[in-house]
């Protein structure tokens, strides 16, 4: 628990405003319609003896009406009153400039703040002495150690150990049969070990479509879900290395998870507490495939050449969606594969490229993974580049053609015959209500769960304290 200076800083928040999304710097046209807290979660706040005020029609965009909020114990206010005299203001996107003027000094704003991308707004919030907690900066503290994730990681580590012993990982071609929630952690571990190549294959792939055979190949699968005995037997006869996650779990799973926990003290900080990163990857890949079908109507997606940069939470969502759409082979690129020169091999004539690789702040705008040269000379007409990371002129994306995020009113552009999109808020494409419910649950859990943000700025836990990007300001 981090204790901040307590003099004149509000204790438990007594009045909470849930405001409607309107046009703002990152929401041109007001097309973002999600609400930050849904009626079901309002009840959890009123049970804390908070007065919850909801702006009229705040939930209409995702089919939650004012009457539902009233039944949950909220009070409804219009746009002229909702920001005034509130201890805590919660919204999804950052506020409009006009809204900032209505907030009282010393109140707290909880939102996706993105201070680096909107410096002018950040300075105004500072001048107005608004305490700002950036949802996107709140982290688990300590990091949660999921046993399924640990199992996948340790299984892949065991599969790779013989190659590490022979110092031959650099020449290894890893093929993962199926993307599932169980194989996803193994994919991440494999990417971290810098193999020669890493690809995801469909579960029904035939031996003739396998591009890695012999002793320098490793096929990782899970017999719990994979039903392709003919393929496994053919791979065995061709001297491929095979590793079954289910068999590893049966023989060593409990011990492997326990040993891993003993050797790995949880990090102080873990994943984002308020996020839909997997859904971001899914939505971006889904939109990319829709563009690809439009651009190349004769292309069979099973034969599409797909490349995903990164294998973290956002990248896994893209892998999930591409796999579910039946793409036969999906190349997954790690840090070494994206180095200048080496990445050329992977991008040459790719049909769809999805970037889920972040870069440190000091490299943004200095180092580009996907360049204008790639669009002009490596990717063919009709190909698609989807950037899941995004950015702005002051906080550039690793995709050089992306000068700033695109928006729902104009989600992609064409450069050198290649369709490029870097949408601000990918889940807004067809996943608004679903992700609104998910975000709401996370927001309210931070407020009244183990972090207890509702208790005020003087009792912030470490994972929330790091997200206080403006303040603390006195009341």
Protein backbone atom coordinates (compact mmCIF):
# COMPACT_ATOMS: atom_id res chain seq x y z
CA UNK A 1 0.00 0.00 0.00
CA UNK A 2 1.38 3.42 -0.97
CA UNK A 3 0.49 6.35 1.24
CA UNK A 4 0.35 9.74 -0.45
CA UNK A 5 0.25 13.10 1.32
CA UNK A 6 -3.09 13.21 3.10
CA UNK A 7 -3.62 16.89 3.85
CA UNK A 8 -6.80 18.08 2.18
CA UNK A 9 -6.95 15.07 -0.15
CA UNK A 10 -10.39 13.50 -0.42
CA UNK A 11 -10.98 10.37 1.55
CA UNK A 12 -13.55 7.89 0.27
CA UNK A 13 -15.28 9.09 -2.85
CA UNK A 14 -18.87 9.96 -1.98
CA UNK A 15 -20.19 11.13 -5.35
CA UNK A 16 -19.40 9.27 -8.58
CA UNK A 17 -20.32 10.39 -12.10
CA UNK A 18 -20.66 7.97 -15.02
CA UNK A 19 -20.60 10.16 -18.10
CA UNK A 20 -21.59 9.63 -21.70
CA UNK A 21 -19.00 9.33 -24.44
CA UNK A 22 -19.09 12.31 -26.78
CA UNK A 23 -16.80 13.76 -29.40
CA UNK A 24 -13.29 14.28 -28.08
CA UNK A 25 -9.73 14.29 -29.48
CA UNK A 26 -9.67 10.49 -29.71
CA UNK A 27 -13.36 10.10 -30.49
CA UNK A 28 -14.08 12.15 -33.62
CA UNK A 29 -17.74 12.14 -34.49
CA UNK A 30 -18.58 10.60 -31.12
CA UNK A 31 -18.56 7.12 -32.65
CA UNK A 32 -17.25 5.54 -29.44
CA UNK A 33 -20.52 4.71 -27.67
CA UNK A 34 -19.46 2.36 -24.89
CA UNK A 35 -20.26 3.25 -21.31
CA UNK A 36 -17.62 2.88 -18.58
CA UNK A 37 -19.92 1.28 -15.98
CA UNK A 38 -22.97 -0.84 -16.81
CA UNK A 39 -26.09 -1.03 -14.58
CA UNK A 40 -25.18 -4.36 -12.98
CA UNK A 41 -21.92 -2.89 -11.69
CA UNK A 42 -23.54 0.34 -10.48
CA UNK A 43 -25.10 -1.74 -7.71
CA UNK A 44 -21.64 -2.56 -6.36
CA UNK A 45 -20.89 1.14 -6.05
CA UNK A 46 -24.18 2.02 -4.36
CA UNK A 47 -23.55 -0.80 -1.89
CA UNK A 48 -20.48 1.22 -0.87
CA UNK A 49 -22.87 4.04 0.07
CA UNK A 50 -21.76 6.14 -2.87
CA UNK A 51 -24.19 8.36 -4.72
CA UNK A 52 -23.85 7.35 -8.35
CA UNK A 53 -24.91 9.82 -11.03
CA UNK A 54 -25.28 8.63 -14.62
CA UNK A 55 -25.55 11.02 -17.53
CA UNK A 56 -28.78 10.61 -19.42
CA UNK A 57 -28.50 8.21 -22.37
CA UNK A 58 -24.95 7.22 -21.29
CA UNK A 59 -25.62 3.55 -21.96
CA UNK A 60 -27.89 3.84 -24.99
CA UNK A 61 -25.07 3.16 -27.44
CA UNK A 62 -24.63 -0.34 -26.04
CA UNK A 63 -28.30 -0.94 -25.22
CA UNK A 64 -28.43 0.01 -21.54
CA UNK A 65 -31.28 2.44 -20.89
CA UNK A 66 -31.66 5.05 -18.16
CA UNK A 67 -34.37 3.00 -16.46
CA UNK A 68 -31.90 0.15 -15.88
CA UNK A 69 -29.53 2.56 -14.12
CA UNK A 70 -32.37 3.91 -12.01
CA UNK A 71 -33.30 0.38 -10.93
CA UNK A 72 -29.66 -0.19 -9.98
CA UNK A 73 -29.81 2.78 -7.60
CA UNK A 74 -28.26 5.51 -9.74
CA UNK A 75 -29.50 9.05 -10.26
CA UNK A 76 -29.80 10.44 -13.79
CA UNK A 77 -28.38 13.86 -14.66
CA UNK A 78 -28.13 15.83 -17.89
CA UNK A 79 -24.92 16.94 -19.61
CA UNK A 80 -24.98 20.34 -17.91
CA UNK A 81 -24.88 18.83 -14.42
CA UNK A 82 -23.02 15.53 -14.65
CA UNK A 83 -19.46 16.87 -14.22
CA UNK A 84 -20.23 19.40 -11.52
CA UNK A 85 -19.38 18.86 -7.85
CA UNK A 86 -18.38 15.21 -8.19
CA UNK A 87 -15.59 13.52 -6.27
CA UNK A 88 -14.92 10.94 -8.98
CA UNK A 89 -15.69 11.12 -12.70
CA UNK A 90 -15.50 7.89 -14.70
CA UNK A 91 -15.55 7.70 -18.45
CA UNK A 92 -14.04 5.50 -21.09
CA UNK A 93 -12.16 7.81 -23.45
CA UNK A 94 -10.41 10.97 -22.34
CA UNK A 95 -12.61 14.03 -21.79
CA UNK A 96 -13.45 16.81 -24.21
CA UNK A 97 -11.91 20.21 -23.54
CA UNK A 98 -15.31 21.67 -22.64
CA UNK A 99 -15.88 18.88 -20.09
CA UNK A 100 -12.64 19.65 -18.28
CA UNK A 101 -13.85 23.19 -17.64
CA UNK A 102 -16.91 21.81 -15.81
CA UNK A 103 -14.98 19.62 -13.33
CA UNK A 104 -14.18 21.08 -9.96
CA UNK A 105 -10.57 21.42 -8.90
CA UNK A 106 -9.30 18.51 -6.84
CA UNK A 107 -11.73 15.94 -8.21
CA UNK A 108 -10.48 12.69 -9.72
CA UNK A 109 -10.93 11.58 -13.31
CA UNK A 110 -10.64 7.87 -14.11
CA UNK A 111 -10.36 7.25 -17.86
CA UNK A 112 -8.13 6.05 -20.69
CA UNK A 113 -5.95 9.14 -20.41
CA UNK A 114 -3.16 8.53 -22.98
CA UNK A 115 -1.20 11.53 -21.75
CA UNK A 116 1.68 11.02 -24.19
CA UNK A 117 -0.65 11.09 -27.18
CA UNK A 118 -2.62 14.19 -26.12
CA UNK A 119 -0.14 16.53 -24.40
CA UNK A 120 -2.26 19.68 -24.79
CA UNK A 121 -5.15 18.07 -22.93
CA UNK A 122 -2.76 16.76 -20.31
CA UNK A 123 -1.46 20.26 -19.63
CA UNK A 124 -5.00 21.59 -19.32
CA UNK A 125 -5.92 18.92 -16.76
CA UNK A 126 -2.81 19.85 -14.82
CA UNK A 127 -3.70 23.56 -14.91
CA UNK A 128 -7.21 22.75 -13.72
CA UNK A 129 -5.71 20.60 -10.93
CA UNK A 130 -7.71 17.51 -11.84
CA UNK A 131 -6.34 14.29 -10.42
CA UNK A 132 -6.14 11.82 -13.32
CA UNK A 133 -5.82 8.06 -12.99
CA UNK A 134 -5.11 6.48 -16.36
CA UNK A 135 -7.02 3.23 -16.71
CA UNK A 136 -4.47 1.93 -19.21
CA UNK A 137 -1.66 2.34 -16.64
CA UNK A 138 -3.23 0.39 -13.74
CA UNK A 139 -1.41 -2.92 -13.30
CA UNK A 140 -1.82 -6.07 -11.25
CA UNK A 141 0.25 -5.87 -8.12
CA UNK A 142 1.67 -8.40 -7.55
CA UNK A 143 1.49 -10.22 -10.86
CA UNK A 144 -1.09 -13.02 -10.98
CA UNK A 145 0.43 -16.39 -11.83
CA UNK A 146 -2.16 -18.35 -13.83
CA UNK A 147 -1.57 -22.12 -13.60
CA UNK A 148 -2.68 -22.70 -17.20
CA UNK A 149 -0.16 -20.14 -18.38
CA UNK A 150 2.57 -21.68 -16.24
CA UNK A 151 1.77 -25.13 -17.64
CA UNK A 152 2.04 -23.95 -21.25
CA UNK A 153 5.30 -22.15 -20.59
CA UNK A 154 6.95 -25.01 -18.74
CA UNK A 155 5.78 -27.52 -21.35
CA UNK A 156 7.38 -25.54 -24.16
CA UNK A 157 10.50 -25.05 -22.06
CA UNK A 158 10.73 -28.83 -21.65
CA UNK A 159 10.17 -29.31 -25.39
CA UNK A 160 12.99 -26.88 -26.20
CA UNK A 161 15.49 -28.06 -23.60
CA UNK A 162 17.17 -30.74 -25.81
CA UNK A 163 17.79 -28.10 -28.48
CA UNK A 164 19.11 -25.63 -25.92
CA UNK A 165 21.49 -28.32 -24.68
CA UNK A 166 22.82 -28.77 -28.22
CA UNK A 167 22.89 -24.98 -28.85
CA UNK A 168 20.67 -25.53 -31.87
CA UNK A 169 17.65 -23.36 -31.00
CA UNK A 170 18.67 -20.83 -33.61
CA UNK A 171 18.12 -23.37 -36.38
CA UNK A 172 14.89 -24.83 -35.02
CA UNK A 173 11.60 -24.57 -36.93
CA UNK A 174 8.74 -24.67 -34.42
CA UNK A 175 5.25 -25.52 -35.58
CA UNK A 176 2.34 -25.32 -33.12
CA UNK A 177 -0.67 -27.38 -34.14
CA UNK A 178 -3.76 -25.34 -33.18
CA UNK A 179 -4.17 -22.06 -31.37
CA UNK A 180 -5.98 -22.60 -28.08
CA UNK A 181 -5.88 -20.94 -24.68
CA UNK A 182 -3.61 -23.81 -23.60
CA UNK A 183 -1.14 -23.54 -26.47
CA UNK A 184 -1.02 -19.72 -26.38
CA UNK A 185 1.44 -19.55 -23.43
CA UNK A 186 3.63 -22.11 -25.18
CA UNK A 187 3.69 -19.95 -28.31
CA UNK A 188 4.82 -17.02 -26.22
CA UNK A 189 7.62 -19.02 -24.61
CA UNK A 190 8.74 -20.33 -27.99
CA UNK A 191 8.89 -16.81 -29.41
CA UNK A 192 11.06 -15.68 -26.51
CA UNK A 193 13.63 -18.37 -27.36
CA UNK A 194 14.42 -16.95 -30.80
CA UNK A 195 13.96 -20.02 -33.03
CA UNK A 196 14.63 -19.90 -36.75
CA UNK A 197 10.89 -19.75 -37.35
CA UNK A 198 7.63 -20.11 -35.46
CA UNK A 199 4.29 -20.83 -37.14
CA UNK A 200 0.77 -21.79 -36.12
CA UNK A 201 -0.84 -24.53 -38.23
CA UNK A 202 -4.45 -25.66 -38.50
CA UNK A 203 -5.34 -28.84 -36.62
CA UNK A 204 -6.38 -30.63 -39.82
CA UNK A 205 -3.22 -29.79 -41.74
CA UNK A 206 -1.96 -32.55 -44.03
CA UNK A 207 1.64 -33.64 -44.20
CA UNK A 208 2.08 -32.20 -47.71
CA UNK A 209 1.35 -28.72 -46.34
CA UNK A 210 3.96 -28.96 -43.58
CA UNK A 211 6.96 -26.84 -44.50
CA UNK A 212 9.25 -28.02 -41.69
CA UNK A 213 10.33 -31.68 -41.66
CA UNK A 214 13.20 -33.64 -40.20
CA UNK A 215 15.32 -33.31 -37.05
CA UNK A 216 15.47 -29.50 -37.08
CA UNK A 217 11.67 -29.27 -36.70
CA UNK A 218 9.54 -29.38 -33.55
CA UNK A 219 5.78 -29.99 -33.65
CA UNK A 220 4.09 -28.95 -30.42
CA UNK A 221 0.49 -30.10 -29.93
CA UNK A 222 -2.16 -30.88 -27.33
CA UNK A 223 -3.79 -34.28 -27.73
CA UNK A 224 -6.59 -33.07 -25.44
CA UNK A 225 -8.00 -31.24 -28.46
CA UNK A 226 -5.98 -32.33 -31.50
CA UNK A 227 -7.54 -35.20 -33.45
CA UNK A 228 -5.16 -35.86 -36.32
CA UNK A 229 -3.39 -39.18 -35.60
CA UNK A 230 -2.39 -39.66 -39.22
CA UNK A 231 -0.42 -36.42 -39.23
CA UNK A 232 1.34 -37.26 -35.97
CA UNK A 233 2.37 -40.67 -37.30
CA UNK A 234 3.62 -39.18 -40.58
CA UNK A 235 5.66 -36.58 -38.72
CA UNK A 236 7.16 -39.27 -36.50
CA UNK A 237 8.18 -41.34 -39.53
CA UNK A 238 9.87 -38.29 -41.04
CA UNK A 239 12.08 -37.88 -37.95
CA UNK A 240 10.32 -34.71 -36.75
CA UNK A 241 10.46 -33.91 -33.07
CA UNK A 242 7.06 -34.17 -31.37
CA UNK A 243 5.88 -32.84 -28.01
CA UNK A 244 2.41 -33.42 -26.51
CA UNK A 245 1.24 -30.86 -23.95
CA UNK A 246 -1.42 -33.25 -22.61
CA UNK A 247 1.16 -35.98 -21.98
CA UNK A 248 3.45 -33.50 -20.26
CA UNK A 249 0.56 -32.38 -18.07
CA UNK A 250 -0.24 -35.96 -17.13
CA UNK A 251 3.34 -36.92 -16.30
CA UNK A 252 4.78 -33.71 -14.88
CA UNK A 253 2.16 -30.97 -14.83
CA UNK A 254 1.54 -30.53 -11.09
CA UNK A 255 5.22 -30.75 -10.24
CA UNK A 256 6.18 -28.39 -13.06
CA UNK A 257 3.72 -25.71 -11.92
CA UNK A 258 4.78 -26.03 -8.27
CA UNK A 259 8.48 -25.89 -9.14
CA UNK A 260 7.92 -22.85 -11.34
CA UNK A 261 6.13 -21.02 -8.53
CA UNK A 262 8.95 -21.85 -6.12
CA UNK A 263 11.56 -20.46 -8.49
CA UNK A 264 9.62 -17.40 -9.64
CA UNK A 265 8.58 -14.89 -7.01
CA UNK A 266 5.72 -12.87 -8.50
CA UNK A 267 6.81 -9.60 -10.07
CA UNK A 268 5.74 -6.42 -8.32
CA UNK A 269 3.58 -5.53 -11.33
CA UNK A 270 1.75 -7.75 -13.80
CA UNK A 271 -0.76 -7.22 -16.59
CA UNK A 272 -3.10 -4.28 -17.11
CA UNK A 273 -6.07 -4.49 -14.78
CA UNK A 274 -8.42 -2.67 -17.15
CA UNK A 275 -7.99 -3.99 -20.66
CA UNK A 276 -9.48 -5.87 -23.56
CA UNK A 277 -6.15 -6.58 -25.22
CA UNK A 278 -7.12 -9.99 -26.55
CA UNK A 279 -10.31 -8.56 -28.05
CA UNK A 280 -8.22 -5.75 -29.57
CA UNK A 281 -6.17 -8.33 -31.44
CA UNK A 282 -9.28 -10.22 -32.49
CA UNK A 283 -11.07 -7.12 -33.77
CA UNK A 284 -8.03 -5.86 -35.66
CA UNK A 285 -7.45 -9.20 -37.35
CA UNK A 286 -11.15 -9.52 -38.18
CA UNK A 287 -11.17 -6.13 -39.86
CA UNK A 288 -7.94 -6.93 -41.68
CA UNK A 289 -9.42 -10.11 -43.08
CA UNK A 290 -12.50 -8.24 -44.26
CA UNK A 291 -10.25 -5.81 -46.15
CA UNK A 292 -8.23 -8.69 -47.58
CA UNK A 293 -11.36 -10.42 -48.87
CA UNK A 294 -12.45 -7.19 -50.53
CA UNK A 295 -9.03 -6.51 -52.01
CA UNK A 296 -8.33 -10.07 -53.13
CA UNK A 297 -11.70 -11.77 -53.65
CA UNK A 298 -10.15 -14.77 -55.42
CA UNK A 299 -7.78 -15.55 -52.54
CA UNK A 300 -8.58 -18.63 -50.47
CA UNK A 301 -7.86 -17.64 -46.86
CA UNK A 302 -6.48 -21.11 -46.21
CA UNK A 303 -3.63 -20.16 -48.56
CA UNK A 304 -3.19 -16.58 -47.36
CA UNK A 305 0.28 -15.63 -46.20
CA UNK A 306 -0.16 -14.17 -42.72
CA UNK A 307 2.47 -12.58 -40.50
CA UNK A 308 1.97 -11.43 -36.90
CA UNK A 309 4.60 -9.31 -35.19
CA UNK A 310 4.60 -10.07 -31.48
CA UNK A 311 3.01 -12.77 -29.37
CA UNK A 312 1.86 -10.87 -26.30
CA UNK A 313 -1.73 -10.32 -25.21
CA UNK A 314 -2.73 -8.28 -28.26
CA UNK A 315 -0.80 -10.51 -30.66
CA UNK A 316 -2.46 -13.60 -29.21
CA UNK A 317 -5.87 -12.12 -29.98
CA UNK A 318 -4.81 -11.69 -33.60
CA UNK A 319 -3.46 -15.25 -33.75
CA UNK A 320 -6.73 -16.51 -32.28
CA UNK A 321 -8.83 -14.73 -34.90
CA UNK A 322 -6.62 -15.69 -37.86
CA UNK A 323 -6.64 -19.31 -36.73
CA UNK A 324 -10.42 -19.33 -36.32
CA UNK A 325 -10.77 -18.01 -39.89
CA UNK A 326 -8.89 -21.03 -41.18
CA UNK A 327 -5.59 -19.52 -42.29
CA UNK A 328 -3.33 -22.44 -42.99
CA UNK A 329 -0.04 -21.05 -41.71
CA UNK A 330 0.53 -18.02 -39.52
CA UNK A 331 4.11 -16.84 -39.06
CA UNK A 332 4.84 -15.37 -35.62
CA UNK A 333 7.76 -12.95 -35.44
CA UNK A 334 9.81 -12.24 -32.34
CA UNK A 335 12.33 -9.53 -31.68
CA UNK A 336 15.14 -11.00 -33.79
CA UNK A 337 12.83 -11.66 -36.75
CA UNK A 338 11.78 -8.00 -36.86
CA UNK A 339 15.31 -6.63 -37.08
CA UNK A 340 16.12 -4.45 -40.06
CA UNK A 341 16.90 -6.62 -43.05
CA UNK A 342 15.72 -9.88 -41.52
CA UNK A 343 12.08 -8.84 -41.47
CA UNK A 344 12.23 -8.35 -45.25
CA UNK A 345 12.09 -12.12 -45.73
CA UNK A 346 8.83 -12.42 -43.82
CA UNK A 347 7.08 -9.43 -45.38
CA UNK A 348 7.86 -10.30 -48.98
CA UNK A 349 4.53 -10.93 -50.71
CA UNK A 350 2.63 -11.34 -47.41
CA UNK A 351 -1.13 -10.99 -47.77
CA UNK A 352 -1.88 -9.75 -44.27
CA UNK A 353 0.57 -8.33 -41.74
CA UNK A 354 -0.54 -7.57 -38.19
CA UNK A 355 1.67 -5.61 -35.83
CA UNK A 356 1.25 -6.32 -32.14
CA UNK A 357 4.82 -5.42 -31.19
CA UNK A 358 5.34 -2.45 -28.91
CA UNK A 359 8.59 -0.54 -28.67
CA UNK A 360 10.14 1.36 -25.76
CA UNK A 361 9.19 5.02 -25.65
CA UNK A 362 12.67 6.18 -26.64
CA UNK A 363 12.46 4.19 -29.90
CA UNK A 364 9.06 5.49 -30.94
CA UNK A 365 9.45 7.63 -33.99
CA UNK A 366 13.09 6.55 -34.29
CA UNK A 367 12.83 2.87 -35.24
CA UNK A 368 10.17 1.42 -37.55
CA UNK A 369 9.56 -2.30 -37.95
CA UNK A 370 7.27 -2.01 -40.98
CA UNK A 371 8.52 0.78 -43.21
CA UNK A 372 7.29 2.74 -46.19
CA UNK A 373 9.88 0.83 -48.21
CA UNK A 374 8.18 -2.43 -47.29
CA UNK A 375 4.84 -1.20 -48.59
CA UNK A 376 6.36 0.02 -51.80
CA UNK A 377 8.69 -2.90 -52.62
CA UNK A 378 7.72 -5.99 -50.59
CA UNK A 379 3.95 -6.11 -50.07
CA UNK A 380 1.84 -6.63 -53.17
CA UNK A 381 -1.20 -4.64 -54.25
CA UNK A 382 -4.24 -5.50 -52.17
CA UNK A 383 -2.22 -6.64 -49.17
CA UNK A 384 -3.26 -5.44 -45.72
CA UNK A 385 -1.30 -4.03 -42.79
CA UNK A 386 -3.07 -3.83 -39.44
CA UNK A 387 -1.40 -1.96 -36.60
CA UNK A 388 -2.72 -2.93 -33.18
CA UNK A 389 -0.36 -0.67 -31.25
CA UNK A 390 -1.26 2.71 -32.70
CA UNK A 391 0.13 6.10 -31.89
CA UNK A 392 0.10 9.78 -32.68
CA UNK A 393 2.51 12.35 -34.17
CA UNK A 394 4.09 12.72 -30.71
CA UNK A 395 4.06 8.99 -29.91
CA UNK A 396 4.66 7.14 -33.17
CA UNK A 397 3.71 3.56 -34.01
CA UNK A 398 6.35 1.00 -35.12
CA UNK A 399 4.54 1.04 -38.48
CA UNK A 400 6.04 3.96 -40.41
CA UNK A 401 3.00 4.69 -42.65
CA UNK A 402 0.92 5.24 -39.50
CA UNK A 403 1.41 8.89 -38.65
CA UNK A 404 -1.54 8.75 -36.25
CA UNK A 405 -4.33 6.35 -35.39
CA UNK A 406 -7.29 6.05 -37.72
CA UNK A 407 -10.86 6.31 -36.43
CA UNK A 408 -14.21 4.68 -37.00
CA UNK A 409 -15.30 7.38 -39.43
CA UNK A 410 -12.32 6.58 -41.71
CA UNK A 411 -10.71 3.36 -40.46
CA UNK A 412 -8.12 2.69 -43.17
CA UNK A 413 -6.12 4.31 -45.92
CA UNK A 414 -4.28 3.01 -48.98
CA UNK A 415 -0.58 3.62 -49.57
CA UNK A 416 1.31 2.12 -52.51
CA UNK A 417 -1.59 -0.26 -53.12
CA UNK A 418 -1.57 -1.58 -49.53
CA UNK A 419 -4.52 -1.07 -47.16
CA UNK A 420 -3.34 0.20 -43.76
CA UNK A 421 -5.37 0.58 -40.58
CA UNK A 422 -4.41 1.57 -37.04
CA UNK A 423 -7.77 2.11 -35.44
CA UNK A 424 -8.09 3.91 -32.12
CA UNK A 425 -10.15 1.47 -30.10
CA UNK A 426 -10.27 -1.72 -32.17
CA UNK A 427 -13.00 -3.45 -30.11
CA UNK A 428 -15.42 -0.72 -31.22
CA UNK A 429 -15.69 -2.67 -34.47
CA UNK A 430 -18.52 -5.08 -33.69
CA UNK A 431 -17.58 -5.72 -30.05
CA UNK A 432 -18.88 -2.62 -28.27
CA UNK A 433 -21.40 -4.12 -25.86
CA UNK A 434 -19.27 -7.20 -25.15
CA UNK A 435 -16.21 -5.13 -24.28
CA UNK A 436 -18.24 -2.49 -22.41
CA UNK A 437 -19.39 -5.22 -20.01
CA UNK A 438 -15.83 -6.54 -19.68
CA UNK A 439 -14.33 -3.10 -19.04
CA UNK A 440 -17.06 -2.20 -16.57
CA UNK A 441 -16.41 -5.29 -14.49
CA UNK A 442 -12.70 -4.50 -14.38
CA UNK A 443 -13.23 -0.83 -13.53
CA UNK A 444 -15.55 -1.58 -10.63
CA UNK A 445 -13.32 -4.39 -9.39
CA UNK A 446 -10.46 -1.88 -9.14
CA UNK A 447 -12.79 0.50 -7.29
CA UNK A 448 -14.24 -1.91 -4.73
CA UNK A 449 -12.12 -5.07 -5.06
CA UNK A 450 -8.62 -5.65 -3.72
CA UNK A 451 -7.33 -2.23 -4.86
CA UNK A 452 -10.14 -0.30 -3.13
CA UNK A 453 -9.64 2.83 -5.22
CA UNK A 454 -13.03 3.99 -3.94
CA UNK A 455 -11.32 4.73 -0.60
CA UNK A 456 -9.48 7.72 -2.09
CA UNK A 457 -6.07 8.93 -3.21
CA UNK A 458 -4.45 8.60 0.20
CA UNK A 459 -4.71 4.79 0.13
CA UNK A 460 -3.57 3.84 -3.37
CA UNK A 461 -2.10 0.39 -3.91
CA UNK A 462 1.15 0.23 -5.95
CA UNK A 463 -0.59 -0.90 -9.14
CA UNK A 464 -2.93 2.11 -9.02
CA UNK A 465 -0.44 4.66 -7.67
CA UNK A 466 1.71 4.28 -10.78
CA UNK A 467 -1.36 5.24 -12.86
CA UNK A 468 -1.85 8.60 -11.14
CA UNK A 469 -0.55 10.58 -14.11
CA UNK A 470 -1.78 13.95 -12.87
CA UNK A 471 -1.82 14.95 -9.21
CA UNK A 472 -2.29 14.51 -6.35
CA UNK A 473 -3.91 17.93 -6.15
CA UNK A 474 -5.44 19.47 -3.07
CA UNK A 475 -9.15 20.07 -2.83
